[in-house]
Amino acid sequence: MMLESRLKQAALNTAVDVSLKRMKKSPERCARNLLELAVTAYPGKISKKDRPDFYQKLLDICKREAAEEAKSLFSNTFQ
């Protein structure tokens, strides 16, 4: 993996961690922030048609406060 790619991944992991810290307080906001992060970092990876389904998955995970599951879904979808 190239340095630029590793730096991007480290920055994304940090952004995901920051978003997940607030999942208990506002799961909707957590899910929305993660979706926006994904769309911004990986344009074209999730079609506009698939975004509501992906948001719902993230929201369900955030409501259960399953941070590791959210990280796994995010990394498996975007790596």
C-alpha atoms as a PDB file:
ATOM      1  CA  MET A   1       0.000   0.000   0.000  1.00  0.00           C
ATOM      2  CA  MET A   2       1.378   3.378  -0.965  1.00  0.00           C
ATOM      3  CA  LEU A   3       2.018   6.049   1.636  1.00  0.00           C
ATOM      4  CA  GLU A   4      -0.732   8.302   0.279  1.00  0.00           C
ATOM      5  CA  SER A   5      -3.230   5.470   0.470  1.00  0.00           C
ATOM      6  CA  ARG A   6      -2.207   4.581   4.025  1.00  0.00           C
ATOM      7  CA  LEU A   7      -2.504   8.215   5.107  1.00  0.00           C
ATOM      8  CA  LYS A   8      -5.970   8.474   3.571  1.00  0.00           C
ATOM      9  CA  GLN A   9      -7.034   5.293   5.350  1.00  0.00           C
ATOM     10  CA  ALA A  10      -5.650   6.520   8.680  1.00  0.00           C
ATOM     11  CA  ALA A  11      -7.489   9.836   8.303  1.00  0.00           C
ATOM     12  CA  LEU A  12     -10.727   8.021   7.447  1.00  0.00           C
ATOM     13  CA  ASN A  13     -10.365   5.677  10.413  1.00  0.00           C
ATOM     14  CA  THR A  14      -9.911   8.685  12.690  1.00  0.00           C
ATOM     15  CA  ALA A  15     -12.964  10.412  11.207  1.00  0.00           C
ATOM     16  CA  VAL A  16     -15.025   7.246  11.659  1.00  0.00           C
ATOM     17  CA  ASP A  17     -13.903   6.969  15.290  1.00  0.00           C
ATOM     18  CA  VAL A  18     -14.860  10.597  15.956  1.00  0.00           C
ATOM     19  CA  SER A  19     -18.311  10.063  14.424  1.00  0.00           C
ATOM     20  CA  LEU A  20     -18.877   6.888  16.419  1.00  0.00           C
ATOM     21  CA  LYS A  21     -18.110   8.576  19.752  1.00  0.00           C
ATOM     22  CA  ARG A  22     -21.442  10.383  19.558  1.00  0.00           C
ATOM     23  CA  MET A  23     -23.574   7.432  18.463  1.00  0.00           C
ATOM     24  CA  LYS A  24     -25.297   7.106  21.820  1.00  0.00           C
ATOM     25  CA  LYS A  25     -26.302  10.755  21.940  1.00  0.00           C
ATOM     26  CA  SER A  26     -27.576  10.953  18.362  1.00  0.00           C
ATOM     27  CA  PRO A  27     -27.569   7.768  16.277  1.00  0.00           C
ATOM     28  CA  GLU A  28     -29.215   9.560  13.342  1.00  0.00           C
ATOM     29  CA  ARG A  29     -26.447  12.128  13.227  1.00  0.00           C
ATOM     30  CA  CYS A  30     -23.804   9.414  13.551  1.00  0.00           C
ATOM     31  CA  ALA A  31     -25.249   7.464  10.620  1.00  0.00           C
ATOM     32  CA  ARG A  32     -25.615  10.608   8.502  1.00  0.00           C
ATOM     33  CA  ASN A  33     -22.037  11.697   9.227  1.00  0.00           C
ATOM     34  CA  LEU A  34     -20.678   8.275   8.317  1.00  0.00           C
ATOM     35  CA  LEU A  35     -22.657   8.226   5.078  1.00  0.00           C
ATOM     36  CA  GLU A  36     -21.469  11.717   4.143  1.00  0.00           C
ATOM     37  CA  LEU A  37     -17.894  10.750   4.947  1.00  0.00           C
ATOM     38  CA  ALA A  38     -18.168   7.683   2.727  1.00  0.00           C
ATOM     39  CA  VAL A  39     -19.717   9.587  -0.172  1.00  0.00           C
ATOM     40  CA  THR A  40     -17.068  12.299   0.063  1.00  0.00           C
ATOM     41  CA  ALA A  41     -14.090   9.972   0.423  1.00  0.00           C
ATOM     42  CA  TYR A  42     -15.267   7.426  -2.141  1.00  0.00           C
ATOM     43  CA  PRO A  43     -17.388   9.215  -4.740  1.00  0.00           C
ATOM     44  CA  GLY A  44     -19.243   6.822  -6.982  1.00  0.00           C
ATOM     45  CA  LYS A  45     -18.811   3.843  -4.652  1.00  0.00           C
ATOM     46  CA  ILE A  46     -22.410   4.021  -3.434  1.00  0.00           C
ATOM     47  CA  SER A  47     -25.043   5.041  -5.943  1.00  0.00           C
ATOM     48  CA  LYS A  48     -27.679   7.566  -4.956  1.00  0.00           C
ATOM     49  CA  LYS A  49     -30.215   4.759  -5.197  1.00  0.00           C
ATOM     50  CA  ASP A  50     -28.323   2.647  -2.620  1.00  0.00           C
ATOM     51  CA  ARG A  51     -27.649   5.439  -0.131  1.00  0.00           C
ATOM     52  CA  PRO A  52     -30.945   5.134   1.791  1.00  0.00           C
ATOM     53  CA  ASP A  53     -30.317   1.410   2.382  1.00  0.00           C
ATOM     54  CA  PHE A  54     -26.734   2.029   3.483  1.00  0.00           C
ATOM     55  CA  TYR A  55     -27.912   4.845   5.767  1.00  0.00           C
ATOM     56  CA  GLN A  56     -30.495   2.527   7.322  1.00  0.00           C
ATOM     57  CA  LYS A  57     -27.830  -0.118   7.988  1.00  0.00           C
ATOM     58  CA  LEU A  58     -25.616   2.491   9.627  1.00  0.00           C
ATOM     59  CA  LEU A  59     -28.526   3.860  11.643  1.00  0.00           C
ATOM     60  CA  ASP A  60     -29.448   0.413  12.952  1.00  0.00           C
ATOM     61  CA  ILE A  61     -25.841  -0.177  13.971  1.00  0.00           C
ATOM     62  CA  CYS A  62     -25.540   3.238  15.628  1.00  0.00           C
ATOM     63  CA  LYS A  63     -28.777   2.710  17.564  1.00  0.00           C
ATOM     64  CA  ARG A  64     -27.349  -0.542  18.956  1.00  0.00           C
ATOM     65  CA  GLU A  65     -24.100   1.282  19.750  1.00  0.00           C
ATOM     66  CA  ALA A  66     -22.137  -1.371  17.870  1.00  0.00           C
ATOM     67  CA  ALA A  67     -19.034   0.628  17.020  1.00  0.00           C
ATOM     68  CA  GLU A  68     -16.956  -2.324  15.863  1.00  0.00           C
ATOM     69  CA  GLU A  69     -19.732  -3.463  13.536  1.00  0.00           C
ATOM     70  CA  ALA A  70     -19.980   0.045  12.072  1.00  0.00           C
ATOM     71  CA  LYS A  71     -16.219   0.136  11.500  1.00  0.00           C
ATOM     72  CA  SER A  72     -16.353  -3.272   9.874  1.00  0.00           C
ATOM     73  CA  LEU A  73     -19.223  -2.327   7.565  1.00  0.00           C
ATOM     74  CA  PHE A  74     -17.502   0.896   6.628  1.00  0.00           C
ATOM     75  CA  SER A  75     -14.119  -0.673   5.920  1.00  0.00           C
ATOM     76  CA  ASN A  76     -15.559  -3.688   4.069  1.00  0.00           C
ATOM     77  CA  THR A  77     -17.660  -1.450   1.857  1.00  0.00           C
ATOM     78  CA  PHE A  78     -14.964   1.088   1.043  1.00  0.00           C
ATOM     79  CA  GLN A  79     -11.692  -0.776   0.866  1.00  0.00           C
END
